[in-house]
Amino acid sequence: MPRIVSEIPSLEYWLTHGPQTAVQRFINDYSERMDRKDFSSTSQRYFHPKVVIYNQNNAVYIGGAVCWTWVQVVFAPFEKMRTDMHHLYEIDPEDGSGDVRIEARGVRNVWMRGNKSEEPDVCVPVHSSWVIAKAKSEEAFEGLQFKEVRTFWDTALLIPFL
């Protein structure tokens, strides 16, 4: 029977207490790097070699290098981002795999290219479901990597800015 290992109940809690577990530190590091559009590391820092990413358009991306390239393409039109986690559950599926499932809700605040102001152009609700596994690479952050990623956000809200 799956078991909730930890819960971040609000953005305020996340900002006040910060990440409390290795998995939360992994997510925080990944989110901060994406928000800065820092792609200086290799795919192996975050993505398992056989990772599978599913998005809201029914697209499927397979493999760490493919997924790392996809992430860079998706975020290319943005000046910067800030992802605010509003609720996060860390779940142990208790299936013997050692994997951890994360269910997260938040808002992705997006500044389009050229916007240097403090206010984002658009704020998009986002839901993510991730499977995080023990790493297959020494480059991985804290020995963890995404094994499966399902991210759903209403990218139609970006259309007026593209």
N, C-alpha and C. Protein backbone atom coordinates (compact mmCIF):
# COMPACT_ATOMS: atom_id res chain seq x y z
N MET A 1 0.85 -1.18 0.00
CA MET A 1 0.00 0.00 0.00
C MET A 1 0.89 1.25 0.00
N PRO A 2 0.71 2.15 -0.96
CA PRO A 2 1.51 3.38 -0.99
C PRO A 2 1.37 4.17 0.31
N ARG A 3 2.46 4.88 0.65
CA ARG A 3 2.50 5.62 1.91
C ARG A 3 3.07 7.02 1.66
N ILE A 4 2.41 8.05 2.19
CA ILE A 4 2.92 9.41 2.08
C ILE A 4 4.11 9.55 3.04
N VAL A 5 5.26 9.90 2.47
CA VAL A 5 6.49 10.06 3.25
C VAL A 5 6.59 11.48 3.80
N SER A 6 6.23 12.46 2.96
CA SER A 6 6.26 13.85 3.40
C SER A 6 5.27 14.66 2.58
N GLU A 7 4.93 15.81 3.10
CA GLU A 7 3.99 16.70 2.44
C GLU A 7 4.44 18.14 2.63
N ILE A 8 4.42 18.89 1.54
CA ILE A 8 4.61 20.34 1.59
C ILE A 8 3.22 20.92 1.35
N PRO A 9 2.57 21.45 2.40
CA PRO A 9 1.16 21.83 2.27
C PRO A 9 0.89 23.18 1.62
N SER A 10 1.93 24.02 1.45
CA SER A 10 1.68 25.34 0.88
C SER A 10 2.99 25.96 0.41
N LEU A 11 2.85 26.98 -0.43
CA LEU A 11 4.02 27.74 -0.88
C LEU A 11 4.73 28.37 0.32
N GLU A 12 3.96 28.90 1.26
CA GLU A 12 4.55 29.54 2.43
C GLU A 12 5.41 28.56 3.22
N TYR A 13 4.92 27.33 3.36
CA TYR A 13 5.68 26.30 4.07
C TYR A 13 6.99 26.01 3.35
N TRP A 14 6.92 25.85 2.03
CA TRP A 14 8.11 25.59 1.23
C TRP A 14 9.13 26.72 1.39
N LEU A 15 8.64 27.98 1.31
CA LEU A 15 9.55 29.13 1.41
C LEU A 15 10.14 29.27 2.81
N THR A 16 9.38 28.92 3.83
CA THR A 16 9.84 29.05 5.22
C THR A 16 10.77 27.92 5.63
N HIS A 17 10.41 26.68 5.29
CA HIS A 17 11.15 25.51 5.77
C HIS A 17 12.15 24.95 4.76
N GLY A 18 11.93 25.25 3.48
CA GLY A 18 12.81 24.71 2.45
C GLY A 18 12.64 23.21 2.31
N PRO A 19 13.42 22.61 1.40
CA PRO A 19 13.32 21.17 1.19
C PRO A 19 13.81 20.41 2.42
N GLN A 20 13.07 19.36 2.79
CA GLN A 20 13.35 18.61 4.02
C GLN A 20 13.94 17.22 3.77
N THR A 21 13.81 16.71 2.55
CA THR A 21 14.28 15.36 2.26
C THR A 21 15.19 15.42 1.03
N ALA A 22 15.92 14.33 0.78
CA ALA A 22 16.79 14.27 -0.39
C ALA A 22 15.99 14.47 -1.68
N VAL A 23 14.82 13.87 -1.75
CA VAL A 23 13.97 14.01 -2.94
C VAL A 23 13.54 15.46 -3.10
N GLN A 24 13.15 16.12 -2.03
CA GLN A 24 12.76 17.52 -2.11
C GLN A 24 13.94 18.40 -2.50
N ARG A 25 15.14 18.10 -2.01
CA ARG A 25 16.35 18.85 -2.41
C ARG A 25 16.62 18.66 -3.89
N PHE A 26 16.43 17.44 -4.40
CA PHE A 26 16.59 17.15 -5.82
C PHE A 26 15.62 18.01 -6.64
N ILE A 27 14.35 18.02 -6.25
CA ILE A 27 13.33 18.79 -6.96
C ILE A 27 13.66 20.27 -6.91
N ASN A 28 14.08 20.75 -5.75
CA ASN A 28 14.42 22.15 -5.59
C ASN A 28 15.60 22.54 -6.50
N ASP A 29 16.64 21.69 -6.52
CA ASP A 29 17.80 21.98 -7.36
C ASP A 29 17.39 22.01 -8.83
N TYR A 30 16.60 21.04 -9.26
CA TYR A 30 16.14 21.00 -10.65
C TYR A 30 15.31 22.24 -10.97
N SER A 31 14.35 22.57 -10.10
CA SER A 31 13.48 23.72 -10.35
C SER A 31 14.27 25.02 -10.42
N GLU A 32 15.20 25.20 -9.50
CA GLU A 32 16.00 26.43 -9.51
C GLU A 32 16.85 26.52 -10.78
N ARG A 33 17.41 25.40 -11.21
CA ARG A 33 18.23 25.40 -12.42
C ARG A 33 17.36 25.71 -13.65
N MET A 34 16.16 25.15 -13.72
CA MET A 34 15.28 25.43 -14.85
C MET A 34 14.83 26.89 -14.81
N ASP A 35 14.51 27.39 -13.62
CA ASP A 35 14.09 28.78 -13.50
C ASP A 35 15.16 29.74 -14.01
N ARG A 36 16.43 29.40 -13.78
CA ARG A 36 17.55 30.23 -14.25
C ARG A 36 17.91 29.93 -15.70
N LYS A 37 17.31 28.89 -16.26
CA LYS A 37 17.66 28.40 -17.59
C LYS A 37 19.14 28.03 -17.65
N ASP A 38 19.58 27.37 -16.62
CA ASP A 38 20.98 26.94 -16.53
C ASP A 38 21.07 25.50 -17.04
N PHE A 39 21.51 25.35 -18.26
CA PHE A 39 21.61 24.03 -18.88
C PHE A 39 23.07 23.59 -19.00
N SER A 40 23.91 24.09 -18.10
CA SER A 40 25.35 23.82 -18.20
C SER A 40 25.72 22.38 -17.82
N SER A 41 24.86 21.69 -17.11
CA SER A 41 25.17 20.31 -16.74
C SER A 41 24.72 19.37 -17.88
N THR A 42 25.02 18.11 -17.74
CA THR A 42 24.54 17.13 -18.72
C THR A 42 23.18 16.61 -18.28
N SER A 43 22.54 15.87 -19.16
CA SER A 43 21.24 15.29 -18.85
C SER A 43 21.32 14.35 -17.64
N GLN A 44 22.50 13.80 -17.41
CA GLN A 44 22.65 12.79 -16.35
C GLN A 44 22.50 13.38 -14.95
N ARG A 45 22.60 14.69 -14.81
CA ARG A 45 22.40 15.29 -13.49
C ARG A 45 20.99 15.03 -12.98
N TYR A 46 20.01 15.01 -13.89
CA TYR A 46 18.61 14.88 -13.48
C TYR A 46 17.87 13.69 -14.10
N PHE A 47 18.26 13.28 -15.29
CA PHE A 47 17.47 12.30 -16.03
C PHE A 47 18.13 10.93 -16.10
N HIS A 48 17.37 9.93 -15.70
CA HIS A 48 17.75 8.54 -15.85
C HIS A 48 17.94 8.27 -17.35
N PRO A 49 18.88 7.42 -17.73
CA PRO A 49 19.10 7.16 -19.16
C PRO A 49 17.85 6.68 -19.90
N LYS A 50 16.93 6.04 -19.19
CA LYS A 50 15.70 5.54 -19.82
C LYS A 50 14.46 6.31 -19.37
N VAL A 51 14.64 7.55 -18.94
CA VAL A 51 13.52 8.37 -18.49
C VAL A 51 12.47 8.48 -19.60
N VAL A 52 11.23 8.60 -19.17
CA VAL A 52 10.12 8.85 -20.11
C VAL A 52 9.39 10.10 -19.62
N ILE A 53 9.21 11.06 -20.53
CA ILE A 53 8.47 12.28 -20.23
C ILE A 53 7.19 12.29 -21.05
N TYR A 54 6.09 12.56 -20.38
CA TYR A 54 4.78 12.72 -21.02
C TYR A 54 4.35 14.16 -20.77
N ASN A 55 3.77 14.82 -21.78
CA ASN A 55 3.27 16.16 -21.52
C ASN A 55 1.80 16.27 -21.88
N GLN A 56 1.25 17.47 -21.71
CA GLN A 56 -0.17 17.71 -21.89
C GLN A 56 -0.61 17.58 -23.35
N ASN A 57 0.31 17.51 -24.28
CA ASN A 57 -0.02 17.39 -25.71
C ASN A 57 0.04 15.94 -26.19
N ASN A 58 0.13 15.01 -25.26
CA ASN A 58 0.24 13.58 -25.56
C ASN A 58 1.56 13.22 -26.23
N ALA A 59 2.54 14.10 -26.14
CA ALA A 59 3.87 13.78 -26.66
C ALA A 59 4.61 12.94 -25.63
N VAL A 60 5.48 12.06 -26.12
CA VAL A 60 6.27 11.20 -25.25
C VAL A 60 7.73 11.35 -25.68
N TYR A 61 8.59 11.58 -24.71
CA TYR A 61 10.03 11.72 -24.96
C TYR A 61 10.73 10.64 -24.14
N ILE A 62 11.66 9.93 -24.78
CA ILE A 62 12.32 8.81 -24.11
C ILE A 62 13.83 9.00 -24.17
N GLY A 63 14.47 8.84 -23.01
CA GLY A 63 15.93 8.90 -22.92
C GLY A 63 16.41 10.22 -22.36
N GLY A 64 17.43 10.16 -21.53
CA GLY A 64 17.93 11.34 -20.85
C GLY A 64 18.36 12.46 -21.77
N ALA A 65 19.15 12.16 -22.79
CA ALA A 65 19.65 13.19 -23.70
C ALA A 65 18.50 13.83 -24.48
N VAL A 66 17.56 13.01 -24.95
CA VAL A 66 16.39 13.52 -25.68
C VAL A 66 15.57 14.45 -24.79
N CYS A 67 15.35 14.04 -23.55
CA CYS A 67 14.55 14.84 -22.62
C CYS A 67 15.25 16.14 -22.26
N TRP A 68 16.55 16.10 -22.09
CA TRP A 68 17.32 17.30 -21.74
C TRP A 68 17.22 18.32 -22.88
N THR A 69 17.31 17.84 -24.12
CA THR A 69 17.18 18.72 -25.28
C THR A 69 15.77 19.30 -25.34
N TRP A 70 14.76 18.46 -25.09
CA TRP A 70 13.37 18.92 -25.12
C TRP A 70 13.14 20.03 -24.10
N VAL A 71 13.65 19.86 -22.89
CA VAL A 71 13.49 20.88 -21.84
C VAL A 71 14.08 22.21 -22.31
N GLN A 72 15.24 22.17 -22.92
CA GLN A 72 15.88 23.40 -23.39
C GLN A 72 15.05 24.08 -24.47
N VAL A 73 14.46 23.32 -25.36
CA VAL A 73 13.62 23.88 -26.43
C VAL A 73 12.36 24.51 -25.84
N VAL A 74 11.72 23.81 -24.91
CA VAL A 74 10.48 24.31 -24.30
C VAL A 74 10.70 25.65 -23.60
N PHE A 75 11.81 25.78 -22.89
CA PHE A 75 12.03 26.98 -22.09
C PHE A 75 12.79 28.09 -22.84
N ALA A 76 13.19 27.84 -24.08
CA ALA A 76 13.97 28.81 -24.86
C ALA A 76 13.30 30.18 -25.01
N PRO A 77 11.98 30.28 -25.22
CA PRO A 77 11.39 31.62 -25.44
C PRO A 77 11.30 32.47 -24.17
N PHE A 78 11.66 31.92 -23.04
CA PHE A 78 11.47 32.64 -21.78
C PHE A 78 12.73 33.36 -21.35
N GLU A 79 12.52 34.55 -20.83
CA GLU A 79 13.63 35.30 -20.20
C GLU A 79 14.02 34.60 -18.91
N LYS A 80 12.99 34.28 -18.13
CA LYS A 80 13.20 33.54 -16.89
C LYS A 80 11.86 32.97 -16.44
N MET A 81 11.95 32.12 -15.43
CA MET A 81 10.75 31.52 -14.84
C MET A 81 10.92 31.50 -13.33
N ARG A 82 9.81 31.30 -12.65
CA ARG A 82 9.84 30.98 -11.23
C ARG A 82 8.70 30.00 -11.00
N THR A 83 9.06 28.83 -10.52
CA THR A 83 8.05 27.82 -10.24
C THR A 83 7.75 27.84 -8.75
N ASP A 84 6.51 28.13 -8.41
CA ASP A 84 6.06 28.15 -7.02
C ASP A 84 5.33 26.86 -6.72
N MET A 85 5.86 26.06 -5.80
CA MET A 85 5.22 24.81 -5.38
C MET A 85 4.16 25.14 -4.34
N HIS A 86 2.92 24.81 -4.65
CA HIS A 86 1.83 25.08 -3.72
C HIS A 86 1.42 23.86 -2.91
N HIS A 87 1.72 22.69 -3.42
CA HIS A 87 1.41 21.47 -2.66
C HIS A 87 2.23 20.33 -3.26
N LEU A 88 2.85 19.56 -2.40
CA LEU A 88 3.70 18.48 -2.88
C LEU A 88 3.58 17.29 -1.93
N TYR A 89 3.32 16.12 -2.51
CA TYR A 89 3.31 14.88 -1.75
C TYR A 89 4.48 14.02 -2.22
N GLU A 90 5.23 13.48 -1.28
CA GLU A 90 6.28 12.51 -1.56
C GLU A 90 5.74 11.15 -1.12
N ILE A 91 5.63 10.22 -2.06
CA ILE A 91 4.94 8.95 -1.82
C ILE A 91 5.87 7.77 -2.06
N ASP A 92 5.94 6.88 -1.09
CA ASP A 92 6.66 5.62 -1.25
C ASP A 92 5.65 4.60 -1.73
N PRO A 93 5.81 4.08 -2.95
CA PRO A 93 4.83 3.11 -3.45
C PRO A 93 4.89 1.77 -2.72
N GLU A 94 5.95 1.58 -1.91
CA GLU A 94 6.14 0.34 -1.16
C GLU A 94 6.00 -0.88 -2.05
N ASP A 95 6.65 -0.79 -3.22
CA ASP A 95 6.61 -1.91 -4.17
C ASP A 95 7.97 -2.59 -4.28
N GLY A 96 8.91 -2.17 -3.43
CA GLY A 96 10.23 -2.78 -3.44
C GLY A 96 11.19 -2.19 -4.46
N SER A 97 10.73 -1.23 -5.26
CA SER A 97 11.57 -0.65 -6.32
C SER A 97 12.58 0.36 -5.78
N GLY A 98 12.28 0.96 -4.64
CA GLY A 98 13.12 2.03 -4.12
C GLY A 98 12.78 3.38 -4.75
N ASP A 99 11.86 3.38 -5.72
CA ASP A 99 11.44 4.62 -6.36
C ASP A 99 10.55 5.43 -5.42
N VAL A 100 10.45 6.71 -5.70
CA VAL A 100 9.56 7.61 -4.95
C VAL A 100 8.69 8.32 -5.97
N ARG A 101 7.40 8.43 -5.69
CA ARG A 101 6.49 9.19 -6.56
C ARG A 101 6.23 10.53 -5.92
N ILE A 102 6.23 11.56 -6.74
CA ILE A 102 5.91 12.91 -6.29
C ILE A 102 4.67 13.37 -7.04
N GLU A 103 3.73 13.91 -6.31
CA GLU A 103 2.56 14.58 -6.90
C GLU A 103 2.66 16.03 -6.46
N ALA A 104 2.72 16.95 -7.42
CA ALA A 104 2.94 18.35 -7.08
C ALA A 104 2.01 19.26 -7.88
N ARG A 105 1.55 20.30 -7.20
CA ARG A 105 0.78 21.37 -7.84
C ARG A 105 1.51 22.67 -7.60
N GLY A 106 1.44 23.55 -8.57
CA GLY A 106 2.07 24.83 -8.39
C GLY A 106 1.68 25.79 -9.50
N VAL A 107 2.47 26.86 -9.58
CA VAL A 107 2.28 27.88 -10.61
C VAL A 107 3.65 28.15 -11.23
N ARG A 108 3.69 28.14 -12.55
CA ARG A 108 4.91 28.51 -13.27
C ARG A 108 4.73 29.96 -13.72
N ASN A 109 5.51 30.85 -13.13
CA ASN A 109 5.51 32.26 -13.48
C ASN A 109 6.52 32.45 -14.60
N VAL A 110 6.08 33.03 -15.71
CA VAL A 110 6.91 33.10 -16.90
C VAL A 110 7.11 34.55 -17.34
N TRP A 111 8.38 34.90 -17.52
CA TRP A 111 8.78 36.17 -18.09
C TRP A 111 9.21 35.87 -19.52
N MET A 112 8.54 36.45 -20.50
CA MET A 112 8.91 36.21 -21.89
C MET A 112 10.18 37.00 -22.21
N ARG A 113 10.88 36.57 -23.25
CA ARG A 113 12.14 37.20 -23.64
C ARG A 113 11.95 38.71 -23.75
N GLY A 114 12.86 39.44 -23.13
CA GLY A 114 12.83 40.90 -23.14
C GLY A 114 12.19 41.51 -21.91
N ASN A 115 11.39 40.75 -21.17
CA ASN A 115 10.77 41.28 -19.96
C ASN A 115 11.77 41.22 -18.82
N LYS A 116 12.28 42.37 -18.44
CA LYS A 116 13.26 42.46 -17.34
C LYS A 116 12.60 42.97 -16.05
N SER A 117 11.28 43.11 -16.07
CA SER A 117 10.57 43.64 -14.92
C SER A 117 10.45 42.60 -13.81
N GLU A 118 9.87 43.00 -12.71
CA GLU A 118 9.64 42.10 -11.57
C GLU A 118 8.38 41.26 -11.76
N GLU A 119 7.51 41.68 -12.68
CA GLU A 119 6.23 41.01 -12.88
C GLU A 119 6.28 40.06 -14.07
N PRO A 120 5.84 38.81 -13.88
CA PRO A 120 5.83 37.87 -15.01
C PRO A 120 4.75 38.26 -16.02
N ASP A 121 4.95 37.83 -17.24
CA ASP A 121 3.94 38.06 -18.28
C ASP A 121 2.72 37.18 -18.07
N VAL A 122 2.95 35.97 -17.59
CA VAL A 122 1.85 35.03 -17.42
C VAL A 122 2.18 34.06 -16.28
N CYS A 123 1.15 33.64 -15.56
CA CYS A 123 1.28 32.66 -14.48
C CYS A 123 0.40 31.47 -14.84
N VAL A 124 1.02 30.31 -14.98
CA VAL A 124 0.33 29.14 -15.49
C VAL A 124 0.27 28.05 -14.42
N PRO A 125 -0.93 27.59 -14.07
CA PRO A 125 -1.02 26.46 -13.14
C PRO A 125 -0.33 25.23 -13.75
N VAL A 126 0.33 24.46 -12.91
CA VAL A 126 1.04 23.27 -13.38
C VAL A 126 0.81 22.12 -12.40
N HIS A 127 0.63 20.93 -12.95
CA HIS A 127 0.55 19.71 -12.14
C HIS A 127 1.61 18.76 -12.65
N SER A 128 2.38 18.21 -11.74
CA SER A 128 3.42 17.26 -12.12
C SER A 128 3.29 15.99 -11.31
N SER A 129 3.58 14.90 -11.97
CA SER A 129 3.66 13.59 -11.33
C SER A 129 4.98 13.00 -11.78
N TRP A 130 5.87 12.76 -10.82
CA TRP A 130 7.22 12.30 -11.14
C TRP A 130 7.51 10.99 -10.42
N VAL A 131 8.29 10.15 -11.06
CA VAL A 131 8.89 9.00 -10.39
C VAL A 131 10.38 9.30 -10.34
N ILE A 132 10.92 9.28 -9.14
CA ILE A 132 12.33 9.57 -8.93
C ILE A 132 12.98 8.30 -8.42
N ALA A 133 14.09 7.94 -9.06
CA ALA A 133 14.76 6.67 -8.77
C ALA A 133 16.21 6.90 -8.39
N LYS A 134 16.82 5.85 -7.87
CA LYS A 134 18.25 5.89 -7.62
C LYS A 134 18.95 6.09 -8.95
N ALA A 135 20.00 6.89 -8.94
CA ALA A 135 20.69 7.30 -10.16
C ALA A 135 21.46 6.17 -10.82
N LYS A 136 21.59 6.31 -12.13
CA LYS A 136 22.44 5.43 -12.94
C LYS A 136 23.72 6.15 -13.34
N SER A 137 23.96 7.34 -12.76
CA SER A 137 25.13 8.14 -13.10
C SER A 137 25.70 8.79 -11.85
N GLU A 138 27.01 8.90 -11.80
CA GLU A 138 27.66 9.59 -10.68
C GLU A 138 27.44 11.10 -10.73
N GLU A 139 27.05 11.62 -11.89
CA GLU A 139 26.79 13.06 -12.04
C GLU A 139 25.46 13.48 -11.41
N ALA A 140 24.64 12.54 -11.06
CA ALA A 140 23.29 12.83 -10.57
C ALA A 140 23.32 13.61 -9.27
N PHE A 141 22.33 14.47 -9.10
CA PHE A 141 22.21 15.27 -7.87
C PHE A 141 21.74 14.37 -6.73
N GLU A 142 22.54 14.27 -5.71
CA GLU A 142 22.26 13.48 -4.51
C GLU A 142 21.88 12.03 -4.83
N GLY A 143 22.41 11.51 -5.94
CA GLY A 143 22.18 10.11 -6.27
C GLY A 143 20.78 9.80 -6.76
N LEU A 144 20.06 10.81 -7.25
CA LEU A 144 18.68 10.63 -7.71
C LEU A 144 18.53 11.11 -9.15
N GLN A 145 17.58 10.52 -9.86
CA GLN A 145 17.25 10.94 -11.22
C GLN A 145 15.76 10.74 -11.48
N PHE A 146 15.22 11.59 -12.38
CA PHE A 146 13.86 11.37 -12.85
C PHE A 146 13.82 10.10 -13.67
N LYS A 147 12.87 9.23 -13.38
CA LYS A 147 12.66 8.00 -14.14
C LYS A 147 11.42 8.15 -15.04
N GLU A 148 10.45 8.91 -14.53
CA GLU A 148 9.23 9.20 -15.30
C GLU A 148 8.76 10.59 -14.91
N VAL A 149 8.34 11.35 -15.91
CA VAL A 149 7.87 12.71 -15.70
C VAL A 149 6.57 12.90 -16.45
N ARG A 150 5.56 13.38 -15.73
CA ARG A 150 4.28 13.76 -16.34
C ARG A 150 4.01 15.18 -15.88
N THR A 151 4.05 16.11 -16.84
CA THR A 151 3.85 17.52 -16.50
C THR A 151 2.72 18.07 -17.36
N PHE A 152 1.78 18.71 -16.69
CA PHE A 152 0.61 19.24 -17.36
C PHE A 152 0.45 20.70 -16.99
N TRP A 153 0.56 21.58 -18.00
CA TRP A 153 0.32 23.00 -17.79
C TRP A 153 -0.32 23.55 -19.04
N ASP A 154 -1.14 24.55 -18.88
CA ASP A 154 -1.93 25.09 -19.98
C ASP A 154 -1.07 26.04 -20.80
N THR A 155 -0.33 25.47 -21.75
CA THR A 155 0.57 26.28 -22.56
C THR A 155 -0.20 27.23 -23.49
N ALA A 156 -1.50 27.03 -23.65
CA ALA A 156 -2.30 27.96 -24.46
C ALA A 156 -2.27 29.36 -23.85
N LEU A 157 -2.05 29.46 -22.55
CA LEU A 157 -1.95 30.76 -21.91
C LEU A 157 -0.73 31.54 -22.37
N LEU A 158 0.24 30.86 -22.98
CA LEU A 158 1.45 31.51 -23.47
C LEU A 158 1.29 32.07 -24.88
N ILE A 159 0.29 31.59 -25.62
CA ILE A 159 0.14 31.93 -27.04
C ILE A 159 0.14 33.44 -27.31
N PRO A 160 -0.56 34.27 -26.52
CA PRO A 160 -0.54 35.71 -26.81
C PRO A 160 0.86 36.34 -26.72
N PHE A 161 1.79 35.63 -26.08
CA PHE A 161 3.13 36.19 -25.87
C PHE A 161 4.17 35.62 -26.82
N LEU A 162 3.79 34.63 -27.62
CA LEU A 162 4.75 33.99 -28.52
C LEU A 162 4.72 34.61 -29.91
